PDB file of N, CA and C in Angstrom:
ATOM      1  N   MET A   1       0.847  -1.181   0.000  1.00  0.00           N
ATOM      2  CA  MET A   1       0.000   0.000   0.000  1.00  0.00           C
ATOM      3  C   MET A   1       0.886   1.235   0.000  1.00  0.00           C
ATOM      4  N   THR A   2       0.616   2.148  -0.897  1.00  0.00           N
ATOM      5  CA  THR A   2       1.369   3.386  -0.985  1.00  0.00           C
ATOM      6  C   THR A   2       0.422   4.554  -0.766  1.00  0.00           C
ATOM      7  N   THR A   3       0.869   5.514   0.017  1.00  0.00           N
ATOM      8  CA  THR A   3       0.079   6.713   0.286  1.00  0.00           C
ATOM      9  C   THR A   3       0.961   7.927   0.084  1.00  0.00           C
ATOM     10  N   GLN A   4       0.395   8.964  -0.478  1.00  0.00           N
ATOM     11  CA  GLN A   4       1.135  10.208  -0.686  1.00  0.00           C
ATOM     12  C   GLN A   4       0.344  11.362  -0.097  1.00  0.00           C
ATOM     13  N   ASP A   5       1.058  12.409   0.286  1.00  0.00           N
ATOM     14  CA  ASP A   5       0.414  13.632   0.739  1.00  0.00           C
ATOM     15  C   ASP A   5       1.451  14.742   0.679  1.00  0.00           C
ATOM     16  N   LYS A   6       1.000  15.968   0.626  1.00  0.00           N
ATOM     17  CA  LYS A   6       1.908  17.111   0.610  1.00  0.00           C
ATOM     18  C   LYS A   6       2.241  17.530   2.036  1.00  0.00           C
ATOM     19  N   ALA A   7       3.417  18.101   2.206  1.00  0.00           N
ATOM     20  CA  ALA A   7       3.825  18.666   3.492  1.00  0.00           C
ATOM     21  C   ALA A   7       4.629  19.920   3.190  1.00  0.00           C
ATOM     22  N   THR A   8       4.706  20.815   4.153  1.00  0.00           N
ATOM     23  CA  THR A   8       5.492  22.027   4.006  1.00  0.00           C
ATOM     24  C   THR A   8       6.687  21.944   4.940  1.00  0.00           C
ATOM     25  N   ILE A   9       7.826  22.360   4.450  1.00  0.00           N
ATOM     26  CA  ILE A   9       9.037  22.375   5.268  1.00  0.00           C
ATOM     27  C   ILE A   9       8.958  23.587   6.190  1.00  0.00           C
ATOM     28  N   GLY A  10       9.172  23.361   7.489  1.00  0.00           N
ATOM     29  CA  GLY A  10       9.101  24.439   8.473  1.00  0.00           C
ATOM     30  C   GLY A  10      10.279  25.394   8.369  1.00  0.00           C
ATOM     31  N   LYS A  11      10.203  26.493   9.121  1.00  0.00           N
ATOM     32  CA  LYS A  11      11.242  27.530   9.096  1.00  0.00           C
ATOM     33  C   LYS A  11      12.611  26.988   9.472  1.00  0.00           C
ATOM     34  N   LYS A  12      12.661  25.981  10.351  1.00  0.00           N
ATOM     35  CA  LYS A  12      13.930  25.404  10.787  1.00  0.00           C
ATOM     36  C   LYS A  12      14.301  24.154   9.986  1.00  0.00           C
ATOM     37  N   GLY A  13      13.560  23.871   8.909  1.00  0.00           N
ATOM     38  CA  GLY A  13      13.855  22.725   8.056  1.00  0.00           C
ATOM     39  C   GLY A  13      13.177  21.434   8.481  1.00  0.00           C
ATOM     40  N   GLU A  14      12.292  21.501   9.480  1.00  0.00           N
ATOM     41  CA  GLU A  14      11.640  20.284   9.952  1.00  0.00           C
ATOM     42  C   GLU A  14      10.562  19.833   8.969  1.00  0.00           C
ATOM     43  N   ILE A  15      10.375  18.528   8.906  1.00  0.00           N
ATOM     44  CA  ILE A  15       9.352  17.924   8.061  1.00  0.00           C
ATOM     45  C   ILE A  15       8.383  17.204   8.990  1.00  0.00           C
ATOM     46  N   LEU A  16       7.108  17.513   8.875  1.00  0.00           N
ATOM     47  CA  LEU A  16       6.109  16.902   9.732  1.00  0.00           C
ATOM     48  C   LEU A  16       5.099  16.148   8.872  1.00  0.00           C
ATOM     49  N   PRO A  17       5.321  14.842   8.660  1.00  0.00           N
ATOM     50  CA  PRO A  17       4.352  14.067   7.874  1.00  0.00           C
ATOM     51  C   PRO A  17       3.004  14.020   8.586  1.00  0.00           C
ATOM     52  N   LYS A  18       1.946  14.059   7.813  1.00  0.00           N
ATOM     53  CA  LYS A  18       0.599  14.007   8.392  1.00  0.00           C
ATOM     54  C   LYS A  18       0.360  12.656   9.052  1.00  0.00           C
ATOM     55  N   LYS A  19      -0.608  12.635   9.953  1.00  0.00           N
ATOM     56  CA  LYS A  19      -0.912  11.447  10.739  1.00  0.00           C
ATOM     57  C   LYS A  19      -1.186  10.229   9.860  1.00  0.00           C
ATOM     58  N   SER A  20      -1.917  10.423   8.768  1.00  0.00           N
ATOM     59  CA  SER A  20      -2.255   9.294   7.894  1.00  0.00           C
ATOM     60  C   SER A  20      -1.002   8.634   7.323  1.00  0.00           C
ATOM     61  N   LEU A  21       0.005   9.437   6.977  1.00  0.00           N
ATOM     62  CA  LEU A  21       1.259   8.879   6.454  1.00  0.00           C
ATOM     63  C   LEU A  21       2.024   8.139   7.546  1.00  0.00           C
ATOM     64  N   ARG A  22       2.063   8.719   8.735  1.00  0.00           N
ATOM     65  CA  ARG A  22       2.762   8.063   9.849  1.00  0.00           C
ATOM     66  C   ARG A  22       2.087   6.742  10.203  1.00  0.00           C
ATOM     67  N   GLU A  23       0.755   6.715  10.157  1.00  0.00           N
ATOM     68  CA  GLU A  23       0.036   5.485  10.476  1.00  0.00           C
ATOM     69  C   GLU A  23       0.339   4.388   9.465  1.00  0.00           C
ATOM     70  N   VAL A  24       0.330   4.721   8.177  1.00  0.00           N
ATOM     71  CA  VAL A  24       0.629   3.727   7.146  1.00  0.00           C
ATOM     72  C   VAL A  24       2.044   3.183   7.332  1.00  0.00           C
ATOM     73  N   ALA A  25       2.996   4.064   7.665  1.00  0.00           N
ATOM     74  CA  ALA A  25       4.390   3.667   7.847  1.00  0.00           C
ATOM     75  C   ALA A  25       4.638   3.001   9.192  1.00  0.00           C
ATOM     76  N   GLY A  26       3.662   3.094  10.098  1.00  0.00           N
ATOM     77  CA  GLY A  26       3.847   2.505  11.425  1.00  0.00           C
ATOM     78  C   GLY A  26       4.852   3.265  12.272  1.00  0.00           C
ATOM     79  N   ILE A  27       4.986   4.565  12.007  1.00  0.00           N
ATOM     80  CA  ILE A  27       5.941   5.398  12.735  1.00  0.00           C
ATOM     81  C   ILE A  27       5.195   6.194  13.800  1.00  0.00           C
ATOM     82  N   LYS A  28       5.681   6.051  15.042  1.00  0.00           N
ATOM     83  CA  LYS A  28       5.057   6.728  16.181  1.00  0.00           C
ATOM     84  C   LYS A  28       6.062   7.675  16.835  1.00  0.00           C
ATOM     85  N   PRO A  29       5.584   8.651  17.614  1.00  0.00           N
ATOM     86  CA  PRO A  29       6.505   9.544  18.316  1.00  0.00           C
ATOM     87  C   PRO A  29       7.522   8.738  19.131  1.00  0.00           C
ATOM     88  N   GLY A  30       8.771   9.111  19.024  1.00  0.00           N
ATOM     89  CA  GLY A  30       9.839   8.435  19.754  1.00  0.00           C
ATOM     90  C   GLY A  30      10.525   7.332  18.969  1.00  0.00           C
ATOM     91  N   ASP A  31       9.927   6.887  17.840  1.00  0.00           N
ATOM     92  CA  ASP A  31      10.570   5.857  17.023  1.00  0.00           C
ATOM     93  C   ASP A  31      11.850   6.405  16.399  1.00  0.00           C
ATOM     94  N   LYS A  32      12.782   5.524  16.150  1.00  0.00           N
ATOM     95  CA  LYS A  32      14.024   5.877  15.453  1.00  0.00           C
ATOM     96  C   LYS A  32      13.825   5.601  13.966  1.00  0.00           C
ATOM     97  N   VAL A  33      14.414   6.455  13.129  1.00  0.00           N
ATOM     98  CA  VAL A  33      14.330   6.286  11.678  1.00  0.00           C
ATOM     99  C   VAL A  33      15.696   6.514  11.050  1.00  0.00           C
ATOM    100  N   ILE A  34      15.850   5.981   9.848  1.00  0.00           N
ATOM    101  CA  ILE A  34      17.018   6.271   9.017  1.00  0.00           C
ATOM    102  C   ILE A  34      16.498   7.099   7.850  1.00  0.00           C
ATOM    103  N   ILE A  35      17.190   8.180   7.544  1.00  0.00           N
ATOM    104  CA  ILE A  35      16.786   9.032   6.429  1.00  0.00           C
ATOM    105  C   ILE A  35      17.872   8.980   5.368  1.00  0.00           C
ATOM    106  N   GLU A  36      17.486   8.564   4.159  1.00  0.00           N
ATOM    107  CA  GLU A  36      18.405   8.524   3.028  1.00  0.00           C
ATOM    108  C   GLU A  36      18.129   9.746   2.158  1.00  0.00           C
ATOM    109  N   ALA A  37      19.178  10.404   1.709  1.00  0.00           N
ATOM    110  CA  ALA A  37      19.014  11.601   0.882  1.00  0.00           C
ATOM    111  C   ALA A  37      19.556  11.349  -0.528  1.00  0.00           C
ATOM    112  N   TYR A  38      18.768  11.725  -1.513  1.00  0.00           N
ATOM    113  CA  TYR A  38      19.129  11.678  -2.921  1.00  0.00           C
ATOM    114  C   TYR A  38      18.751  13.028  -3.513  1.00  0.00           C
ATOM    115  N   PRO A  39      19.287  13.407  -4.655  1.00  0.00           N
ATOM    116  CA  PRO A  39      18.903  14.688  -5.243  1.00  0.00           C
ATOM    117  C   PRO A  39      17.377  14.782  -5.408  1.00  0.00           C
ATOM    118  N   GLY A  40      16.776  15.722  -4.711  1.00  0.00           N
ATOM    119  CA  GLY A  40      15.339  15.946  -4.806  1.00  0.00           C
ATOM    120  C   GLY A  40      14.477  14.930  -4.076  1.00  0.00           C
ATOM    121  N   LYS A  41      15.074  14.083  -3.237  1.00  0.00           N
ATOM    122  CA  LYS A  41      14.296  13.015  -2.618  1.00  0.00           C
ATOM    123  C   LYS A  41      14.856  12.641  -1.249  1.00  0.00           C
ATOM    124  N   LEU A  42      13.966  12.409  -0.293  1.00  0.00           N
ATOM    125  CA  LEU A  42      14.326  11.842   1.006  1.00  0.00           C
ATOM    126  C   LEU A  42      13.521  10.566   1.189  1.00  0.00           C
ATOM    127  N   ILE A  43      14.153   9.534   1.707  1.00  0.00           N
ATOM    128  CA  ILE A  43      13.461   8.284   2.018  1.00  0.00           C
ATOM    129  C   ILE A  43      13.630   8.031   3.507  1.00  0.00           C
ATOM    130  N   ILE A  44      12.510   7.849   4.199  1.00  0.00           N
ATOM    131  CA  ILE A  44      12.519   7.635   5.646  1.00  0.00           C
ATOM    132  C   ILE A  44      12.142   6.189   5.918  1.00  0.00           C
ATOM    133  N   ASN A  45      13.009   5.468   6.621  1.00  0.00           N
ATOM    134  CA  ASN A  45      12.753   4.076   6.982  1.00  0.00           C
ATOM    135  C   ASN A  45      12.783   3.924   8.491  1.00  0.00           C
ATOM    136  N   LYS A  46      11.770   3.262   9.024  1.00  0.00           N
ATOM    137  CA  LYS A  46      11.696   3.020  10.455  1.00  0.00           C
ATOM    138  C   LYS A  46      12.763   2.004  10.857  1.00  0.00           C
ATOM    139  N   ILE A  47      13.374   2.219  12.024  1.00  0.00           N
ATOM    140  CA  ILE A  47      14.288   1.244  12.610  1.00  0.00           C
ATOM    141  C   ILE A  47      13.464   0.482  13.646  1.00  0.00           C
ATOM    142  N   TYR A  48      13.267  -0.803  13.419  1.00  0.00           N
ATOM    143  CA  TYR A  48      12.444  -1.610  14.315  1.00  0.00           C
ATOM    144  C   TYR A  48      13.235  -2.053  15.532  1.00  0.00           C
ATOM    145  N   SER A  49      12.555  -2.098  16.674  1.00  0.00           N
ATOM    146  CA  SER A  49      13.173  -2.613  17.893  1.00  0.00           C
ATOM    147  C   SER A  49      13.213  -4.138  17.806  1.00  0.00           C
ATOM    148  N   VAL A  50      14.021  -4.762  18.642  1.00  0.00           N
ATOM    149  CA  VAL A  50      14.098  -6.217  18.672  1.00  0.00           C
ATOM    150  C   VAL A  50      12.719  -6.800  18.975  1.00  0.00           C
ATOM    151  N   GLU A  51      12.009  -6.183  19.894  1.00  0.00           N
ATOM    152  CA  GLU A  51      10.677  -6.664  20.262  1.00  0.00           C
ATOM    153  C   GLU A  51       9.728  -6.620  19.061  1.00  0.00           C
ATOM    154  N   GLU A  52       9.763  -5.525  18.305  1.00  0.00           N
ATOM    155  CA  GLU A  52       8.908  -5.414  17.119  1.00  0.00           C
ATOM    156  C   GLU A  52       9.277  -6.470  16.085  1.00  0.00           C
ATOM    157  N   LEU A  53      10.567  -6.697  15.889  1.00  0.00           N
ATOM    158  CA  LEU A  53      11.008  -7.697  14.916  1.00  0.00           C
ATOM    159  C   LEU A  53      10.549  -9.095  15.306  1.00  0.00           C
ATOM    160  N   LEU A  54      10.615  -9.403  16.603  1.00  0.00           N
ATOM    161  CA  LEU A  54      10.199 -10.730  17.059  1.00  0.00           C
ATOM    162  C   LEU A  54       8.700 -10.947  16.919  1.00  0.00           C
ATOM    163  N   GLU A  55       7.912  -9.873  16.907  1.00  0.00           N
ATOM    164  CA  GLU A  55       6.466  -9.978  16.746  1.00  0.00           C
ATOM    165  C   GLU A  55       6.045 -10.113  15.281  1.00  0.00           C
ATOM    166  N   MET A  56       6.957  -9.829  14.353  1.00  0.00           N
ATOM    167  CA  MET A  56       6.617  -9.891  12.930  1.00  0.00           C
ATOM    168  C   MET A  56       6.457 -11.342  12.479  1.00  0.00           C
ATOM    169  N   PRO A  57       5.545 -11.560  11.515  1.00  0.00           N
ATOM    170  CA  PRO A  57       5.359 -12.928  11.028  1.00  0.00           C
ATOM    171  C   PRO A  57       6.587 -13.420  10.268  1.00  0.00           C
ATOM    172  N   ILE A  58       6.819 -14.716  10.332  1.00  0.00           N
ATOM    173  CA  ILE A  58       7.917 -15.319   9.574  1.00  0.00           C
ATOM    174  C   ILE A  58       7.446 -15.466   8.140  1.00  0.00           C
ATOM    175  N   ILE A  59       8.178 -14.893   7.199  1.00  0.00           N
ATOM    176  CA  ILE A  59       7.756 -14.948   5.801  1.00  0.00           C
ATOM    177  C   ILE A  59       8.491 -16.019   5.011  1.00  0.00           C
ATOM    178  N   SER A  60       9.555 -16.575   5.589  1.00  0.00           N
ATOM    179  CA  SER A  60      10.290 -17.628   4.905  1.00  0.00           C
ATOM    180  C   SER A  60      11.136 -18.369   5.928  1.00  0.00           C
ATOM    181  N   LYS A  61      11.392 -19.620   5.642  1.00  0.00           N
ATOM    182  CA  LYS A  61      12.247 -20.414   6.502  1.00  0.00           C
ATOM    183  C   LYS A  61      13.356 -21.008   5.661  1.00  0.00           C
ATOM    184  N   GLY A  62      14.493 -21.229   6.275  1.00  0.00           N
ATOM    185  CA  GLY A  62      15.607 -21.856   5.583  1.00  0.00           C
ATOM    186  C   GLY A  62      16.856 -21.037   5.729  1.00  0.00           C
ATOM    187  N   THR A  63      17.896 -21.521   5.094  1.00  0.00           N
ATOM    188  CA  THR A  63      19.170 -20.813   5.114  1.00  0.00           C
ATOM    189  C   THR A  63      19.106 -19.659   4.121  1.00  0.00           C
ATOM    190  N   PRO A  64      20.011 -18.693   4.234  1.00  0.00           N
ATOM    191  CA  PRO A  64      20.022 -17.606   3.248  1.00  0.00           C
ATOM    192  C   PRO A  64      20.151 -18.116   1.811  1.00  0.00           C
ATOM    193  N   GLU A  65      20.927 -19.163   1.625  1.00  0.00           N
ATOM    194  CA  GLU A  65      21.103 -19.729   0.274  1.00  0.00           C
ATOM    195  C   GLU A  65      19.796 -20.320  -0.253  1.00  0.00           C
ATOM    196  N   GLU A  66      19.069 -21.040   0.616  1.00  0.00           N
ATOM    197  CA  GLU A  66      17.793 -21.627   0.204  1.00  0.00           C
ATOM    198  C   GLU A  66      16.771 -20.546  -0.126  1.00  0.00           C
ATOM    199  N   ILE A  67      16.749 -19.503   0.661  1.00  0.00           N
ATOM    200  CA  ILE A  67      15.823 -18.396   0.410  1.00  0.00           C
ATOM    201  C   ILE A  67      16.168 -17.701  -0.895  1.00  0.00           C
ATOM    202  N   LYS A  68      17.455 -17.498  -1.152  1.00  0.00           N
ATOM    203  CA  LYS A  68      17.883 -16.864  -2.404  1.00  0.00           C
ATOM    204  C   LYS A  68      17.446 -17.701  -3.601  1.00  0.00           C
ATOM    205  N   LYS A  69      17.610 -19.020  -3.524  1.00  0.00           N
ATOM    206  CA  LYS A  69      17.185 -19.901  -4.615  1.00  0.00           C
ATOM    207  C   LYS A  69      15.674 -19.818  -4.828  1.00  0.00           C
ATOM    208  N   GLU A  70      14.918 -19.757  -3.716  1.00  0.00           N
ATOM    209  CA  GLU A  70      13.473 -19.660  -3.806  1.00  0.00           C
ATOM    210  C   GLU A  70      13.057 -18.356  -4.487  1.00  0.00           C
ATOM    211  N   ILE A  71      13.714 -17.257  -4.133  1.00  0.00           N
ATOM    212  CA  ILE A  71      13.416 -15.955  -4.747  1.00  0.00           C
ATOM    213  C   ILE A  71      13.731 -15.987  -6.243  1.00  0.00           C
ATOM    214  N   GLU A  72      14.875 -16.580  -6.598  1.00  0.00           N
ATOM    215  CA  GLU A  72      15.253 -16.674  -8.012  1.00  0.00           C
ATOM    216  C   GLU A  72      14.248 -17.511  -8.797  1.00  0.00           C
ATOM    217  N   LYS A  73      13.764 -18.594  -8.189  1.00  0.00           N
ATOM    218  CA  LYS A  73      12.783 -19.458  -8.838  1.00  0.00           C
ATOM    219  C   LYS A  73      11.486 -18.697  -9.104  1.00  0.00           C
ATOM    220  N   VAL A  74      11.027 -17.940  -8.131  1.00  0.00           N
ATOM    221  CA  VAL A  74       9.805 -17.154  -8.288  1.00  0.00           C
ATOM    222  C   VAL A  74      10.005 -16.078  -9.358  1.00  0.00           C
ATOM    223  N   ALA A  75      11.171 -15.439  -9.368  1.00  0.00           N
ATOM    224  CA  ALA A  75      11.458 -14.405 -10.373  1.00  0.00           C
ATOM    225  C   ALA A  75      11.431 -14.995 -11.785  1.00  0.00           C
ATOM    226  N   GLN A  76      11.996 -16.184 -11.950  1.00  0.00           N
ATOM    227  CA  GLN A  76      11.975 -16.846 -13.261  1.00  0.00           C
ATOM    228  C   GLN A  76      10.541 -17.166 -13.691  1.00  0.00           C
ATOM    229  N   LEU A  77       9.738 -17.640 -12.742  1.00  0.00           N
ATOM    230  CA  LEU A  77       8.343 -17.948 -13.047  1.00  0.00           C
ATOM    231  C   LEU A  77       7.588 -16.684 -13.442  1.00  0.00           C
ATOM    232  N   GLN A  78       7.807 -15.598 -12.724  1.00  0.00           N
ATOM    233  CA  GLN A  78       7.141 -14.332 -13.050  1.00  0.00           C
ATOM    234  C   GLN A  78       7.561 -13.839 -14.434  1.00  0.00           C
ATOM    235  N   GLU A  79       8.844 -13.984 -14.751  1.00  0.00           N
ATOM    236  CA  GLU A  79       9.333 -13.555 -16.066  1.00  0.00           C
ATOM    237  C   GLU A  79       8.695 -14.402 -17.164  1.00  0.00           C
ATOM    238  N   LYS A  80       8.587 -15.709 -16.945  1.00  0.00           N
ATOM    239  CA  LYS A  80       7.967 -16.606 -17.927  1.00  0.00           C
ATOM    240  C   LYS A  80       6.511 -16.209 -18.158  1.00  0.00           C
ATOM    241  N   ILE A  81       5.787 -15.966 -17.070  1.00  0.00           N
ATOM    242  CA  ILE A  81       4.372 -15.586 -17.189  1.00  0.00           C
ATOM    243  C   ILE A  81       4.241 -14.251 -17.932  1.00  0.00           C
ATOM    244  N   THR A  82       5.103 -13.289 -17.606  1.00  0.00           N
ATOM    245  CA  THR A  82       5.067 -11.989 -18.270  1.00  0.00           C
ATOM    246  C   THR A  82       5.338 -12.131 -19.756  1.00  0.00           C
ATOM    247  N   ASN A  83       6.331 -12.928 -20.136  1.00  0.00           N
ATOM    248  CA  ASN A  83       6.668 -13.122 -21.545  1.00  0.00           C
ATOM    249  C   ASN A  83       5.527 -13.815 -22.297  1.00  0.00           C
ATOM    250  N   GLU A  84       4.826 -14.729 -21.652  1.00  0.00           N
ATOM    251  CA  GLU A  84       3.709 -15.418 -22.288  1.00  0.00           C
ATOM    252  C   GLU A  84       2.536 -14.471 -22.514  1.00  0.00           C
ATOM    253  N   GLU A  85       2.334 -13.520 -21.565  1.00  0.00           N
ATOM    254  CA  GLU A  85       1.223 -12.582 -21.696  1.00  0.00           C
ATOM    255  C   GLU A  85       1.468 -11.543 -22.777  1.00  0.00           C
ATOM    256  N   TYR A  86       2.733 -11.201 -23.014  1.00  0.00           N
ATOM    257  CA  TYR A  86       3.059 -10.166 -23.984  1.00  0.00           C
ATOM    258  C   TYR A  86       3.798 -10.774 -25.110  1.00  0.00           C
TER     259      TYR A  86
END
């Protein structure tokens, strides 16, 4: 899910995302974030606490190598389906 909204930069350079954007991102007062800067663009990523990470659902099991192979297999299947459709 992607949400966009406009914001105005304050006199001291602060950026205050609206509540709806913070809710979608799961960012609450006091959370830590990493901000990446690119020409004309800022990307804000939440830094999750250990407790938050442990509460997240497991999306895959296995070794990093097994997961990488699984991702590659899915990518190949998606490419095959895309080529067949077009």
